[in-house]
C-alpha atoms as a PDB file:
ATOM      1  CA  MET A   1       0.000   0.000   0.000  1.00  0.00           C
ATOM      2  CA  ARG A   2       2.821   2.409   0.801  1.00  0.00           C
ATOM      3  CA  ARG A   3       4.293   1.801  -2.662  1.00  0.00           C
ATOM      4  CA  GLN A   4       0.942   2.725  -4.233  1.00  0.00           C
ATOM      5  CA  GLN A   5       0.815   5.942  -2.203  1.00  0.00           C
ATOM      6  CA  GLN A   6       4.347   6.847  -3.265  1.00  0.00           C
ATOM      7  CA  ARG A   7       3.538   6.199  -6.914  1.00  0.00           C
ATOM      8  CA  SER A   8       0.357   8.312  -6.717  1.00  0.00           C
ATOM      9  CA  LEU A   9       2.406  11.177  -5.249  1.00  0.00           C
ATOM     10  CA  GLY A  10       4.930  10.855  -8.078  1.00  0.00           C
ATOM     11  CA  GLN A  11       7.638   9.486  -5.809  1.00  0.00           C
ATOM     12  CA  LYS A  12       9.943   6.624  -6.555  1.00  0.00           C
ATOM     13  CA  PRO A  13       9.008   3.655  -4.343  1.00  0.00           C
ATOM     14  CA  ALA A  14      11.581   2.901  -1.679  1.00  0.00           C
ATOM     15  CA  SER A  15      13.619  -0.257  -1.878  1.00  0.00           C
ATOM     16  CA  ARG A  16      12.717  -3.229   0.278  1.00  0.00           C
ATOM     17  CA  THR A  17      15.071  -2.107   3.051  1.00  0.00           C
ATOM     18  CA  ARG A  18      13.662  -1.051   6.389  1.00  0.00           C
ATOM     19  CA  GLU A  19      12.103   2.389   5.956  1.00  0.00           C
ATOM     20  CA  GLN A  20      12.486   5.220   8.420  1.00  0.00           C
ATOM     21  CA  PRO A  21       9.260   6.968   9.551  1.00  0.00           C
ATOM     22  CA  LEU A  22       8.575  10.320   7.910  1.00  0.00           C
ATOM     23  CA  ASP A  23       8.840  13.445  10.011  1.00  0.00           C
ATOM     24  CA  GLY A  24       6.442  16.404   9.731  1.00  0.00           C
ATOM     25  CA  GLY A  25       8.565  18.258   7.176  1.00  0.00           C
ATOM     26  CA  GLN A  26       8.808  15.219   4.900  1.00  0.00           C
ATOM     27  CA  ILE A  27       5.054  14.686   5.086  1.00  0.00           C
ATOM     28  CA  ALA A  28       4.382  18.334   4.277  1.00  0.00           C
ATOM     29  CA  SER A  29       6.666  18.231   1.250  1.00  0.00           C
ATOM     30  CA  ALA A  30       5.093  14.989   0.009  1.00  0.00           C
ATOM     31  CA  VAL A  31       1.563  16.445  -0.134  1.00  0.00           C
ATOM     32  CA  ARG A  32       0.603  19.062  -2.701  1.00  0.00           C
ATOM     33  CA  PRO A  33      -0.678  22.343  -1.251  1.00  0.00           C
ATOM     34  CA  LEU A  34      -4.462  22.471  -0.961  1.00  0.00           C
ATOM     35  CA  ARG A  35      -7.041  25.258  -0.660  1.00  0.00           C
ATOM     36  CA  VAL A  36      -9.045  24.406   2.450  1.00  0.00           C
ATOM     37  CA  LEU A  37     -12.313  25.906   3.674  1.00  0.00           C
ATOM     38  CA  LEU A  38     -12.282  25.692   7.470  1.00  0.00           C
ATOM     39  CA  VAL A  39     -15.669  26.222   9.131  1.00  0.00           C
ATOM     40  CA  GLU A  40     -15.577  26.284  12.919  1.00  0.00           C
ATOM     41  CA  ASP A  41     -17.492  28.467  15.379  1.00  0.00           C
ATOM     42  CA  ASP A  42     -14.960  28.103  18.195  1.00  0.00           C
ATOM     43  CA  PHE A  43     -12.308  30.792  17.674  1.00  0.00           C
ATOM     44  CA  LEU A  44      -9.458  28.944  19.404  1.00  0.00           C
ATOM     45  CA  ILE A  45     -10.063  25.673  17.561  1.00  0.00           C
ATOM     46  CA  ARG A  46     -10.399  27.541  14.244  1.00  0.00           C
ATOM     47  CA  CYS A  47      -7.132  29.442  14.729  1.00  0.00           C
ATOM     48  CA  THR A  48      -5.215  26.385  15.915  1.00  0.00           C
ATOM     49  CA  THR A  49      -6.444  24.235  13.042  1.00  0.00           C
ATOM     50  CA  ALA A  50      -5.725  26.972  10.490  1.00  0.00           C
ATOM     51  CA  ALA A  51      -2.177  27.386  11.831  1.00  0.00           C
ATOM     52  CA  MET A  52      -1.550  23.640  11.630  1.00  0.00           C
ATOM     53  CA  LEU A  53      -2.800  23.466   8.046  1.00  0.00           C
ATOM     54  CA  GLU A  54      -0.801  26.533   7.015  1.00  0.00           C
ATOM     55  CA  ASN A  55       2.352  25.045   8.592  1.00  0.00           C
ATOM     56  CA  LEU A  56       1.829  22.063   6.291  1.00  0.00           C
ATOM     57  CA  GLY A  57       1.802  24.432   3.314  1.00  0.00           C
ATOM     58  CA  HIS A  58      -1.935  24.678   2.678  1.00  0.00           C
ATOM     59  CA  THR A  59      -3.978  27.831   2.051  1.00  0.00           C
ATOM     60  CA  VAL A  60      -6.820  28.204   4.539  1.00  0.00           C
ATOM     61  CA  ALA A  61      -9.964  30.325   4.319  1.00  0.00           C
ATOM     62  CA  GLU A  62     -11.737  30.582   7.661  1.00  0.00           C
ATOM     63  CA  ALA A  63     -15.453  30.901   8.345  1.00  0.00           C
ATOM     64  CA  ALA A  64     -17.073  31.119  11.771  1.00  0.00           C
ATOM     65  CA  ASN A  65     -20.473  29.873  10.585  1.00  0.00           C
ATOM     66  CA  SER A  66     -22.376  28.508   7.608  1.00  0.00           C
ATOM     67  CA  THR A  67     -23.372  31.949   6.319  1.00  0.00           C
ATOM     68  CA  GLU A  68     -19.727  33.021   6.082  1.00  0.00           C
ATOM     69  CA  ALA A  69     -18.830  29.669   4.512  1.00  0.00           C
ATOM     70  CA  LEU A  70     -21.452  30.046   1.792  1.00  0.00           C
ATOM     71  CA  LYS A  71     -20.163  33.542   0.974  1.00  0.00           C
ATOM     72  CA  LEU A  72     -16.631  32.169   0.623  1.00  0.00           C
ATOM     73  CA  LEU A  73     -17.907  29.363  -1.605  1.00  0.00           C
ATOM     74  CA  ASP A  74     -19.448  31.960  -3.926  1.00  0.00           C
ATOM     75  CA  ASP A  75     -16.115  33.748  -4.339  1.00  0.00           C
ATOM     76  CA  ARG A  76     -13.480  30.993  -4.290  1.00  0.00           C
ATOM     77  CA  ARG A  77     -12.729  27.412  -5.224  1.00  0.00           C
ATOM     78  CA  PHE A  78     -11.510  24.880  -2.661  1.00  0.00           C
ATOM     79  CA  ASN A  79      -9.894  21.447  -2.801  1.00  0.00           C
ATOM     80  CA  VAL A  80     -11.125  20.457   0.659  1.00  0.00           C
ATOM     81  CA  LEU A  81     -14.467  21.201   2.291  1.00  0.00           C
ATOM     82  CA  PRO A  82     -15.723  20.174   5.730  1.00  0.00           C
ATOM     83  CA  ALA A  83     -17.705  16.953   5.845  1.00  0.00           C
ATOM     84  CA  THR A  84     -20.146  18.092   8.500  1.00  0.00           C
ATOM     85  CA  SER A  85     -23.581  19.626   8.349  1.00  0.00           C
ATOM     86  CA  TRP A  86     -23.794  23.381   8.750  1.00  0.00           C
ATOM     87  CA  PRO A  87     -26.846  24.725  10.533  1.00  0.00           C
ATOM     88  CA  LEU A  88     -27.878  27.961   8.827  1.00  0.00           C
ATOM     89  CA  LYS A  89     -27.728  30.997  11.071  1.00  0.00           C
ATOM     90  CA  PRO A  90     -29.306  34.318  10.127  1.00  0.00           C
END
């Protein structure tokens, strides 16, 4: 399975020798940058999650509620969207 993942990321599969675990920097460089829509009403969780994603090289647009998220969706395109339901708030 790891060989398939490496091939899909355009990497040369490692030889059959014992592999060393990847560190955070290697993981970040192995994944292409994504445009992420982050919808979270809790300010601290939203900021922490955004910082983590940005440290991995992704672009993050933040929304505090579904209304803000829908406005962002009108203006921009994203690779990753939340997989939760958004209750509409006036």
